[in-house]
Amino acid sequence: MVTAVPQPSIDIYRFAADIAYRAPDWLRAVLSVSGTTLLVGAAGLFIVLIIAARGKNRWHRALAVLAPGAATVAYLLNELLKETIRQERPCRVVTGVMTLASCPEVDSWSFPSNHAVIAGAAIAAVWLLWRRLSILILPLALLGAASRVLVGVHYPHDVLVGLLLGGAVTTLVLIAGRRLIAVPGRQRLPQPPR
């Protein structure tokens, strides 16, 4: 199933890729490694959540361990969506745009963005498990996801849907985990610190 790309998404893509391509060399260098940095940062974040949960109760520890699994579920669901929808990447079909990143290989679909799914999962996990850290993670994850448009490999709607999908799936998995772990007659899982 191939879907039509909304014109506003194409226009924003052109504008963002042009700004990035004209950016100073140092910013272009930062944007060029942002995708890898996002993935490594998310993996590191999940490790930090697990380590930080060691001093918490067993339910909090269990949810911290469940968080990377929830992100994996979101990623796998996203891969299924990509294979079903099969939207070509903008760097293949939008003409007259210079991009910072090489266009991924053929059959590497655009919608939704895997990087944005992981960013959305990280935001949701931090929000549910360690709210104070959200102040730092939220802008970094959003910038990392937005960089996928700036480097030219995704449309804005790919990133937006990816963020929402990653956040929603991770939240649902962790809430379900919280309910399963909070067995009747036992202490309920406390709310995360604010």
N, C-alpha and C. Protein backbone atom coordinates (compact mmCIF):
# COMPACT_ATOMS: atom_id res chain seq x y z
N MET A 1 0.85 -1.17 0.00
CA MET A 1 0.00 0.00 0.00
C MET A 1 0.89 1.24 0.00
N VAL A 2 0.80 2.06 -1.00
CA VAL A 2 1.56 3.30 -1.08
C VAL A 2 0.58 4.45 -0.89
N THR A 3 0.94 5.38 -0.02
CA THR A 3 0.04 6.49 0.26
C THR A 3 0.60 7.79 -0.32
N ALA A 4 -0.27 8.73 -0.58
CA ALA A 4 0.16 10.05 -1.05
C ALA A 4 0.71 10.83 0.14
N VAL A 5 1.74 11.60 -0.12
CA VAL A 5 2.36 12.41 0.92
C VAL A 5 1.66 13.77 0.94
N PRO A 6 1.26 14.25 2.12
CA PRO A 6 0.60 15.55 2.19
C PRO A 6 1.54 16.67 1.73
N GLN A 7 1.03 17.58 0.95
CA GLN A 7 1.86 18.68 0.42
C GLN A 7 2.54 19.50 1.51
N PRO A 8 1.86 19.82 2.63
CA PRO A 8 2.56 20.59 3.68
C PRO A 8 3.80 19.86 4.21
N SER A 9 3.74 18.53 4.27
CA SER A 9 4.89 17.76 4.73
C SER A 9 6.05 17.88 3.74
N ILE A 10 5.73 17.87 2.45
CA ILE A 10 6.77 18.04 1.43
C ILE A 10 7.38 19.44 1.53
N ASP A 11 6.54 20.45 1.71
CA ASP A 11 7.03 21.83 1.80
C ASP A 11 7.93 22.02 3.02
N ILE A 12 7.52 21.47 4.16
CA ILE A 12 8.35 21.59 5.37
C ILE A 12 9.65 20.82 5.18
N TYR A 13 9.57 19.66 4.56
CA TYR A 13 10.78 18.87 4.27
C TYR A 13 11.76 19.68 3.43
N ARG A 14 11.28 20.29 2.35
CA ARG A 14 12.15 21.10 1.49
C ARG A 14 12.81 22.23 2.28
N PHE A 15 11.99 22.94 3.06
CA PHE A 15 12.46 24.07 3.84
C PHE A 15 13.52 23.64 4.85
N ALA A 16 13.23 22.57 5.60
CA ALA A 16 14.15 22.09 6.64
C ALA A 16 15.46 21.58 6.04
N ALA A 17 15.37 20.79 4.98
CA ALA A 17 16.59 20.26 4.35
C ALA A 17 17.45 21.38 3.78
N ASP A 18 16.80 22.42 3.24
CA ASP A 18 17.54 23.56 2.69
C ASP A 18 18.27 24.32 3.80
N ILE A 19 17.58 24.55 4.92
CA ILE A 19 18.21 25.23 6.06
C ILE A 19 19.41 24.44 6.54
N ALA A 20 19.25 23.13 6.69
CA ALA A 20 20.34 22.28 7.18
C ALA A 20 21.51 22.29 6.20
N TYR A 21 21.21 22.23 4.92
CA TYR A 21 22.28 22.19 3.92
C TYR A 21 23.07 23.50 3.89
N ARG A 22 22.43 24.61 4.21
CA ARG A 22 23.09 25.92 4.22
C ARG A 22 23.68 26.27 5.59
N ALA A 23 23.52 25.41 6.57
CA ALA A 23 23.99 25.67 7.93
C ALA A 23 25.51 25.72 7.98
N PRO A 24 26.05 26.32 9.03
CA PRO A 24 27.51 26.31 9.20
C PRO A 24 28.04 24.88 9.29
N ASP A 25 29.30 24.71 8.93
CA ASP A 25 29.91 23.37 8.90
C ASP A 25 29.77 22.63 10.22
N TRP A 26 29.96 23.33 11.35
CA TRP A 26 29.89 22.65 12.65
C TRP A 26 28.49 22.09 12.90
N LEU A 27 27.46 22.85 12.50
CA LEU A 27 26.09 22.37 12.71
C LEU A 27 25.77 21.22 11.77
N ARG A 28 26.26 21.29 10.57
CA ARG A 28 26.07 20.19 9.63
C ARG A 28 26.73 18.91 10.16
N ALA A 29 27.90 19.06 10.77
CA ALA A 29 28.59 17.90 11.35
C ALA A 29 27.77 17.30 12.49
N VAL A 30 27.22 18.16 13.33
CA VAL A 30 26.38 17.68 14.45
C VAL A 30 25.15 16.95 13.91
N LEU A 31 24.50 17.55 12.93
CA LEU A 31 23.31 16.92 12.35
C LEU A 31 23.64 15.59 11.69
N SER A 32 24.80 15.50 11.09
CA SER A 32 25.19 14.27 10.40
C SER A 32 25.34 13.07 11.33
N VAL A 33 25.67 13.32 12.58
CA VAL A 33 25.82 12.20 13.53
C VAL A 33 24.63 12.10 14.48
N SER A 34 23.62 12.94 14.29
CA SER A 34 22.51 12.98 15.23
C SER A 34 21.70 11.69 15.28
N GLY A 35 21.55 11.01 14.15
CA GLY A 35 20.78 9.76 14.14
C GLY A 35 21.44 8.69 14.99
N THR A 36 22.75 8.53 14.81
CA THR A 36 23.49 7.56 15.62
C THR A 36 23.50 7.98 17.08
N THR A 37 23.69 9.27 17.32
CA THR A 37 23.70 9.78 18.69
C THR A 37 22.38 9.51 19.38
N LEU A 38 21.28 9.68 18.66
CA LEU A 38 19.95 9.42 19.22
C LEU A 38 19.82 7.97 19.66
N LEU A 39 20.23 7.04 18.82
CA LEU A 39 20.10 5.62 19.15
C LEU A 39 21.00 5.22 20.31
N VAL A 40 22.25 5.69 20.29
CA VAL A 40 23.18 5.38 21.38
C VAL A 40 22.69 6.03 22.67
N GLY A 41 22.19 7.27 22.56
CA GLY A 41 21.67 7.96 23.74
C GLY A 41 20.48 7.25 24.35
N ALA A 42 19.58 6.75 23.50
CA ALA A 42 18.40 6.03 24.01
C ALA A 42 18.82 4.75 24.72
N ALA A 43 19.78 4.02 24.14
CA ALA A 43 20.27 2.80 24.79
C ALA A 43 20.89 3.15 26.14
N GLY A 44 21.69 4.20 26.17
CA GLY A 44 22.30 4.64 27.43
C GLY A 44 21.26 5.06 28.44
N LEU A 45 20.22 5.72 27.97
CA LEU A 45 19.15 6.17 28.85
C LEU A 45 18.44 4.99 29.51
N PHE A 46 18.16 3.95 28.72
CA PHE A 46 17.50 2.77 29.30
C PHE A 46 18.39 2.12 30.35
N ILE A 47 19.69 2.11 30.12
CA ILE A 47 20.63 1.56 31.12
C ILE A 47 20.59 2.42 32.38
N VAL A 48 20.60 3.75 32.22
CA VAL A 48 20.53 4.65 33.37
C VAL A 48 19.24 4.42 34.16
N LEU A 49 18.13 4.24 33.47
CA LEU A 49 16.86 3.99 34.16
C LEU A 49 16.91 2.70 34.99
N ILE A 50 17.55 1.68 34.43
CA ILE A 50 17.67 0.41 35.15
C ILE A 50 18.57 0.58 36.37
N ILE A 51 19.70 1.26 36.20
CA ILE A 51 20.62 1.47 37.32
C ILE A 51 19.97 2.34 38.39
N ALA A 52 19.29 3.41 37.98
CA ALA A 52 18.64 4.30 38.94
C ALA A 52 17.53 3.60 39.71
N ALA A 53 16.93 2.59 39.12
CA ALA A 53 15.83 1.87 39.77
C ALA A 53 16.33 0.89 40.83
N ARG A 54 17.64 0.64 40.88
CA ARG A 54 18.16 -0.34 41.85
C ARG A 54 17.81 0.00 43.28
N GLY A 55 17.76 1.28 43.60
CA GLY A 55 17.42 1.68 44.97
C GLY A 55 15.93 1.82 45.21
N LYS A 56 15.13 1.54 44.22
CA LYS A 56 13.67 1.69 44.33
C LYS A 56 13.04 0.35 44.70
N ASN A 57 11.71 0.34 44.79
CA ASN A 57 11.02 -0.91 45.11
C ASN A 57 11.05 -1.86 43.90
N ARG A 58 10.64 -3.09 44.12
CA ARG A 58 10.76 -4.11 43.07
C ARG A 58 9.88 -3.81 41.85
N TRP A 59 8.75 -3.14 42.08
CA TRP A 59 7.88 -2.81 40.96
C TRP A 59 8.54 -1.78 40.04
N HIS A 60 9.16 -0.80 40.66
CA HIS A 60 9.86 0.23 39.88
C HIS A 60 11.03 -0.42 39.11
N ARG A 61 11.75 -1.30 39.77
CA ARG A 61 12.86 -2.00 39.09
C ARG A 61 12.35 -2.83 37.92
N ALA A 62 11.24 -3.51 38.14
CA ALA A 62 10.68 -4.35 37.07
C ALA A 62 10.27 -3.50 35.87
N LEU A 63 9.65 -2.36 36.11
CA LEU A 63 9.25 -1.50 35.01
C LEU A 63 10.45 -0.90 34.29
N ALA A 64 11.50 -0.58 35.03
CA ALA A 64 12.72 -0.06 34.40
C ALA A 64 13.33 -1.10 33.47
N VAL A 65 13.29 -2.37 33.89
CA VAL A 65 13.80 -3.46 33.05
C VAL A 65 12.86 -3.69 31.86
N LEU A 66 11.58 -3.47 32.07
CA LEU A 66 10.59 -3.65 31.01
C LEU A 66 10.67 -2.55 29.94
N ALA A 67 11.15 -1.37 30.30
CA ALA A 67 11.16 -0.22 29.38
C ALA A 67 11.88 -0.50 28.05
N PRO A 68 13.09 -1.09 28.04
CA PRO A 68 13.70 -1.38 26.73
C PRO A 68 12.89 -2.39 25.92
N GLY A 69 12.24 -3.31 26.59
CA GLY A 69 11.38 -4.26 25.89
C GLY A 69 10.18 -3.57 25.27
N ALA A 70 9.63 -2.59 26.00
CA ALA A 70 8.51 -1.81 25.47
C ALA A 70 8.94 -1.03 24.24
N ALA A 71 10.13 -0.46 24.28
CA ALA A 71 10.67 0.26 23.11
C ALA A 71 10.86 -0.70 21.94
N THR A 72 11.28 -1.91 22.24
CA THR A 72 11.47 -2.92 21.18
C THR A 72 10.13 -3.29 20.55
N VAL A 73 9.10 -3.43 21.36
CA VAL A 73 7.76 -3.72 20.83
C VAL A 73 7.32 -2.58 19.90
N ALA A 74 7.55 -1.34 20.32
CA ALA A 74 7.20 -0.18 19.48
C ALA A 74 7.97 -0.22 18.16
N TYR A 75 9.24 -0.54 18.24
CA TYR A 75 10.08 -0.61 17.03
C TYR A 75 9.57 -1.70 16.08
N LEU A 76 9.27 -2.87 16.61
CA LEU A 76 8.79 -3.97 15.77
C LEU A 76 7.43 -3.64 15.13
N LEU A 77 6.55 -3.02 15.90
CA LEU A 77 5.28 -2.59 15.35
C LEU A 77 5.51 -1.57 14.23
N ASN A 78 6.46 -0.68 14.44
CA ASN A 78 6.78 0.32 13.43
C ASN A 78 7.31 -0.34 12.15
N GLU A 79 8.16 -1.34 12.29
CA GLU A 79 8.67 -2.05 11.12
C GLU A 79 7.53 -2.70 10.33
N LEU A 80 6.56 -3.24 11.05
CA LEU A 80 5.39 -3.83 10.40
C LEU A 80 4.61 -2.76 9.63
N LEU A 81 4.42 -1.60 10.25
CA LEU A 81 3.74 -0.50 9.57
C LEU A 81 4.50 -0.05 8.33
N LYS A 82 5.81 0.07 8.45
CA LYS A 82 6.63 0.50 7.31
C LYS A 82 6.48 -0.46 6.13
N GLU A 83 6.51 -1.75 6.43
CA GLU A 83 6.39 -2.75 5.37
C GLU A 83 4.99 -2.78 4.77
N THR A 84 4.01 -2.39 5.55
CA THR A 84 2.63 -2.36 5.05
C THR A 84 2.38 -1.11 4.20
N ILE A 85 2.83 0.04 4.68
CA ILE A 85 2.55 1.31 4.01
C ILE A 85 3.51 1.55 2.84
N ARG A 86 4.78 1.27 3.01
CA ARG A 86 5.80 1.35 1.95
C ARG A 86 5.90 2.74 1.31
N GLN A 87 6.04 3.73 2.15
CA GLN A 87 6.21 5.09 1.65
C GLN A 87 7.67 5.33 1.29
N GLU A 88 7.93 5.76 0.07
CA GLU A 88 9.30 6.06 -0.36
C GLU A 88 9.87 7.22 0.45
N ARG A 89 11.15 7.19 0.64
CA ARG A 89 11.82 8.28 1.36
C ARG A 89 11.81 9.54 0.52
N PRO A 90 11.74 10.70 1.18
CA PRO A 90 11.70 11.94 0.42
C PRO A 90 12.96 12.18 -0.40
N CYS A 91 14.09 11.69 0.06
CA CYS A 91 15.34 11.88 -0.68
C CYS A 91 15.32 11.13 -2.01
N ARG A 92 14.37 10.23 -2.20
CA ARG A 92 14.22 9.52 -3.48
C ARG A 92 13.24 10.20 -4.42
N VAL A 93 12.23 10.87 -3.86
CA VAL A 93 11.14 11.33 -4.71
C VAL A 93 10.99 12.85 -4.79
N VAL A 94 11.48 13.59 -3.82
CA VAL A 94 11.36 15.04 -3.86
C VAL A 94 12.59 15.58 -4.60
N THR A 95 12.35 16.22 -5.71
CA THR A 95 13.46 16.68 -6.54
C THR A 95 13.95 18.06 -6.11
N GLY A 96 15.20 18.35 -6.47
CA GLY A 96 15.77 19.67 -6.23
C GLY A 96 16.15 19.94 -4.80
N VAL A 97 16.33 18.90 -3.98
CA VAL A 97 16.70 19.08 -2.58
C VAL A 97 18.07 18.46 -2.34
N MET A 98 18.97 19.24 -1.76
CA MET A 98 20.29 18.73 -1.36
C MET A 98 20.18 18.27 0.09
N THR A 99 20.62 17.06 0.37
CA THR A 99 20.51 16.51 1.72
C THR A 99 21.88 16.30 2.34
N LEU A 100 21.92 16.30 3.68
CA LEU A 100 23.16 16.07 4.40
C LEU A 100 23.49 14.58 4.48
N ALA A 101 22.48 13.76 4.54
CA ALA A 101 22.69 12.31 4.68
C ALA A 101 22.49 11.64 3.33
N SER A 102 23.17 10.53 3.17
CA SER A 102 22.92 9.70 1.98
C SER A 102 21.54 9.08 2.12
N CYS A 103 20.89 8.95 1.00
CA CYS A 103 19.56 8.34 1.03
C CYS A 103 19.71 6.84 1.32
N PRO A 104 18.96 6.33 2.30
CA PRO A 104 19.04 4.89 2.59
C PRO A 104 18.68 4.05 1.37
N GLU A 105 19.07 2.79 1.43
CA GLU A 105 18.87 1.88 0.30
C GLU A 105 17.39 1.74 -0.06
N VAL A 106 17.18 1.29 -1.28
CA VAL A 106 15.81 1.03 -1.76
C VAL A 106 15.19 -0.01 -0.82
N ASP A 107 13.90 0.08 -0.60
CA ASP A 107 13.15 -0.78 0.31
C ASP A 107 13.40 -0.44 1.78
N SER A 108 14.02 0.69 2.04
CA SER A 108 14.10 1.23 3.40
C SER A 108 13.06 2.34 3.44
N TRP A 109 11.89 2.00 3.94
CA TRP A 109 10.74 2.89 3.84
C TRP A 109 10.81 4.03 4.83
N SER A 110 10.04 5.05 4.55
CA SER A 110 10.13 6.30 5.30
C SER A 110 9.16 6.41 6.47
N PHE A 111 7.95 5.89 6.30
CA PHE A 111 6.89 6.17 7.27
C PHE A 111 6.53 4.95 8.09
N PRO A 112 6.52 5.13 9.40
CA PRO A 112 7.04 6.16 10.28
C PRO A 112 8.55 6.00 10.51
N SER A 113 9.16 7.00 11.10
CA SER A 113 10.60 6.99 11.35
C SER A 113 10.95 6.10 12.54
N ASN A 114 11.87 5.15 12.31
CA ASN A 114 12.33 4.29 13.41
C ASN A 114 13.03 5.11 14.50
N HIS A 115 13.86 6.07 14.08
CA HIS A 115 14.56 6.90 15.06
C HIS A 115 13.56 7.65 15.94
N ALA A 116 12.51 8.17 15.33
CA ALA A 116 11.50 8.90 16.09
C ALA A 116 10.74 7.96 17.02
N VAL A 117 10.50 6.73 16.61
CA VAL A 117 9.84 5.75 17.48
C VAL A 117 10.69 5.52 18.74
N ILE A 118 11.98 5.35 18.55
CA ILE A 118 12.87 5.15 19.69
C ILE A 118 12.89 6.40 20.58
N ALA A 119 12.92 7.58 19.97
CA ALA A 119 12.88 8.82 20.74
C ALA A 119 11.58 8.92 21.54
N GLY A 120 10.46 8.61 20.90
CA GLY A 120 9.17 8.64 21.60
C GLY A 120 9.11 7.63 22.74
N ALA A 121 9.69 6.46 22.52
CA ALA A 121 9.74 5.43 23.58
C ALA A 121 10.58 5.92 24.76
N ALA A 122 11.70 6.56 24.46
CA ALA A 122 12.57 7.08 25.53
C ALA A 122 11.86 8.16 26.33
N ILE A 123 11.18 9.05 25.64
CA ILE A 123 10.44 10.12 26.33
C ILE A 123 9.38 9.51 27.25
N ALA A 124 8.63 8.55 26.75
CA ALA A 124 7.57 7.94 27.57
C ALA A 124 8.15 7.20 28.77
N ALA A 125 9.22 6.45 28.56
CA ALA A 125 9.83 5.70 29.67
C ALA A 125 10.34 6.63 30.76
N VAL A 126 11.01 7.69 30.36
CA VAL A 126 11.52 8.65 31.35
C VAL A 126 10.38 9.34 32.07
N TRP A 127 9.35 9.71 31.33
CA TRP A 127 8.21 10.38 31.96
C TRP A 127 7.55 9.49 33.01
N LEU A 128 7.43 8.21 32.72
CA LEU A 128 6.77 7.29 33.65
C LEU A 128 7.66 6.85 34.80
N LEU A 129 8.98 6.80 34.58
CA LEU A 129 9.87 6.25 35.60
C LEU A 129 10.72 7.27 36.35
N TRP A 130 11.02 8.39 35.73
CA TRP A 130 11.91 9.37 36.37
C TRP A 130 11.60 10.74 35.80
N ARG A 131 10.48 11.30 36.24
CA ARG A 131 9.94 12.51 35.66
C ARG A 131 10.91 13.69 35.64
N ARG A 132 11.71 13.84 36.69
CA ARG A 132 12.63 14.98 36.74
C ARG A 132 13.62 14.98 35.58
N LEU A 133 13.99 13.81 35.12
CA LEU A 133 14.93 13.69 34.00
C LEU A 133 14.28 14.11 32.68
N SER A 134 12.96 14.16 32.64
CA SER A 134 12.23 14.52 31.42
C SER A 134 12.60 15.91 30.93
N ILE A 135 12.92 16.80 31.84
CA ILE A 135 13.28 18.17 31.47
C ILE A 135 14.48 18.17 30.53
N LEU A 136 15.39 17.25 30.74
CA LEU A 136 16.58 17.14 29.89
C LEU A 136 16.31 16.28 28.66
N ILE A 137 15.64 15.16 28.85
CA ILE A 137 15.46 14.18 27.78
C ILE A 137 14.49 14.65 26.71
N LEU A 138 13.42 15.28 27.08
CA LEU A 138 12.40 15.70 26.12
C LEU A 138 12.98 16.55 24.98
N PRO A 139 13.67 17.65 25.28
CA PRO A 139 14.19 18.44 24.16
C PRO A 139 15.25 17.71 23.34
N LEU A 140 16.09 16.92 23.99
CA LEU A 140 17.13 16.18 23.25
C LEU A 140 16.50 15.15 22.31
N ALA A 141 15.52 14.43 22.81
CA ALA A 141 14.86 13.41 21.98
C ALA A 141 14.10 14.05 20.82
N LEU A 142 13.44 15.16 21.08
CA LEU A 142 12.70 15.85 20.02
C LEU A 142 13.66 16.40 18.96
N LEU A 143 14.78 16.96 19.40
CA LEU A 143 15.78 17.45 18.44
C LEU A 143 16.37 16.30 17.63
N GLY A 144 16.65 15.19 18.30
CA GLY A 144 17.19 14.03 17.59
C GLY A 144 16.22 13.52 16.54
N ALA A 145 14.94 13.48 16.89
CA ALA A 145 13.93 13.01 15.94
C ALA A 145 13.79 14.01 14.79
N ALA A 146 13.74 15.30 15.11
CA ALA A 146 13.60 16.33 14.07
C ALA A 146 14.80 16.35 13.13
N SER A 147 15.95 15.93 13.63
CA SER A 147 17.15 15.93 12.78
C SER A 147 16.99 14.99 11.60
N ARG A 148 16.11 14.01 11.69
CA ARG A 148 15.89 13.08 10.58
C ARG A 148 15.29 13.81 9.37
N VAL A 149 14.52 14.86 9.64
CA VAL A 149 14.00 15.70 8.56
C VAL A 149 15.12 16.61 8.06
N LEU A 150 15.85 17.19 8.98
CA LEU A 150 16.90 18.14 8.60
C LEU A 150 17.98 17.49 7.73
N VAL A 151 18.34 16.24 8.02
CA VAL A 151 19.38 15.59 7.21
C VAL A 151 18.81 15.05 5.90
N GLY A 152 17.48 15.06 5.76
CA GLY A 152 16.86 14.75 4.48
C GLY A 152 16.36 13.35 4.26
N VAL A 153 16.24 12.54 5.32
CA VAL A 153 15.82 11.15 5.11
C VAL A 153 14.38 10.86 5.49
N HIS A 154 13.68 11.86 6.09
CA HIS A 154 12.28 11.67 6.49
C HIS A 154 11.47 12.93 6.27
N TYR A 155 10.18 12.72 6.04
CA TYR A 155 9.22 13.81 6.04
C TYR A 155 8.88 14.15 7.48
N PRO A 156 8.36 15.36 7.74
CA PRO A 156 7.94 15.70 9.10
C PRO A 156 6.86 14.77 9.65
N HIS A 157 5.91 14.34 8.81
CA HIS A 157 4.85 13.46 9.34
C HIS A 157 5.40 12.09 9.71
N ASP A 158 6.50 11.66 9.08
CA ASP A 158 7.15 10.39 9.48
C ASP A 158 7.62 10.48 10.92
N VAL A 159 8.22 11.63 11.24
CA VAL A 159 8.79 11.84 12.57
C VAL A 159 7.68 12.02 13.61
N LEU A 160 6.69 12.80 13.27
CA LEU A 160 5.60 13.04 14.21
C LEU A 160 4.88 11.74 14.57
N VAL A 161 4.53 10.96 13.56
CA VAL A 161 3.83 9.69 13.81
C VAL A 161 4.76 8.73 14.56
N GLY A 162 6.05 8.72 14.22
CA GLY A 162 7.00 7.87 14.93
C GLY A 162 7.09 8.21 16.41
N LEU A 163 7.16 9.51 16.72
CA LEU A 163 7.20 9.93 18.13
C LEU A 163 5.94 9.48 18.87
N LEU A 164 4.78 9.70 18.24
CA LEU A 164 3.52 9.31 18.87
C LEU A 164 3.41 7.80 19.05
N LEU A 165 3.81 7.06 18.03
CA LEU A 165 3.75 5.60 18.10
C LEU A 165 4.67 5.06 19.19
N GLY A 166 5.91 5.51 19.20
CA GLY A 166 6.86 5.05 20.22
C GLY A 166 6.41 5.39 21.62
N GLY A 167 5.91 6.62 21.79
CA GLY A 167 5.44 7.03 23.11
C GLY A 167 4.21 6.28 23.55
N ALA A 168 3.26 6.09 22.64
CA ALA A 168 2.01 5.41 22.99
C ALA A 168 2.23 3.94 23.31
N VAL A 169 2.98 3.25 22.47
CA VAL A 169 3.20 1.81 22.70
C VAL A 169 3.98 1.61 24.00
N THR A 170 5.02 2.40 24.21
CA THR A 170 5.81 2.25 25.44
C THR A 170 4.96 2.54 26.67
N THR A 171 4.15 3.59 26.61
CA THR A 171 3.27 3.91 27.73
C THR A 171 2.30 2.77 28.01
N LEU A 172 1.67 2.25 26.96
CA LEU A 172 0.71 1.16 27.15
C LEU A 172 1.38 -0.09 27.72
N VAL A 173 2.55 -0.43 27.22
CA VAL A 173 3.25 -1.62 27.73
C VAL A 173 3.63 -1.42 29.19
N LEU A 174 4.13 -0.25 29.54
CA LEU A 174 4.53 -0.01 30.93
C LEU A 174 3.33 0.07 31.87
N ILE A 175 2.24 0.66 31.41
CA ILE A 175 1.04 0.69 32.25
C ILE A 175 0.49 -0.72 32.43
N ALA A 176 0.48 -1.52 31.36
CA ALA A 176 0.05 -2.91 31.49
C ALA A 176 0.99 -3.66 32.44
N GLY A 177 2.27 -3.42 32.30
CA GLY A 177 3.24 -4.04 33.21
C GLY A 177 3.01 -3.62 34.65
N ARG A 178 2.71 -2.35 34.85
CA ARG A 178 2.44 -1.85 36.20
C ARG A 178 1.23 -2.57 36.79
N ARG A 179 0.18 -2.76 35.97
CA ARG A 179 -1.02 -3.44 36.46
C ARG A 179 -0.76 -4.92 36.75
N LEU A 180 0.05 -5.55 35.91
CA LEU A 180 0.36 -6.97 36.13
C LEU A 180 1.24 -7.16 37.36
N ILE A 181 2.15 -6.22 37.58
CA ILE A 181 3.07 -6.33 38.71
C ILE A 181 2.35 -6.03 40.02
N ALA A 182 1.40 -5.10 39.99
CA ALA A 182 0.67 -4.72 41.20
C ALA A 182 -0.42 -5.76 41.45
N VAL A 183 -0.02 -6.91 41.94
CA VAL A 183 -0.94 -8.01 42.22
C VAL A 183 -1.90 -7.59 43.33
N PRO A 184 -3.19 -7.95 43.21
CA PRO A 184 -4.15 -7.59 44.27
C PRO A 184 -3.66 -8.06 45.64
N GLY A 185 -3.84 -7.21 46.63
CA GLY A 185 -3.43 -7.55 47.98
C GLY A 185 -1.99 -7.13 48.27
N ARG A 186 -1.28 -6.67 47.28
CA ARG A 186 0.10 -6.19 47.49
C ARG A 186 0.11 -4.68 47.34
N GLN A 187 1.21 -4.12 47.79
CA GLN A 187 1.37 -2.67 47.70
C GLN A 187 1.34 -2.25 46.22
N ARG A 188 0.64 -1.19 45.93
CA ARG A 188 0.58 -0.68 44.56
C ARG A 188 1.83 0.12 44.26
N LEU A 189 2.18 0.16 43.00
CA LEU A 189 3.37 0.89 42.57
C LEU A 189 3.16 2.38 42.79
N PRO A 190 4.09 3.04 43.50
CA PRO A 190 3.93 4.46 43.74
C PRO A 190 4.16 5.24 42.45
N GLN A 191 3.65 6.47 42.44
CA GLN A 191 3.88 7.35 41.31
C GLN A 191 5.35 7.73 41.26
N PRO A 192 5.89 7.97 40.05
CA PRO A 192 7.29 8.36 39.94
C PRO A 192 7.52 9.70 40.61
N PRO A 193 8.76 9.96 41.05
CA PRO A 193 9.03 11.25 41.70
C PRO A 193 8.87 12.39 40.71
N ARG A 194 8.48 13.51 41.21
CA ARG A 194 8.27 14.69 40.34
C ARG A 194 9.46 15.62 40.44
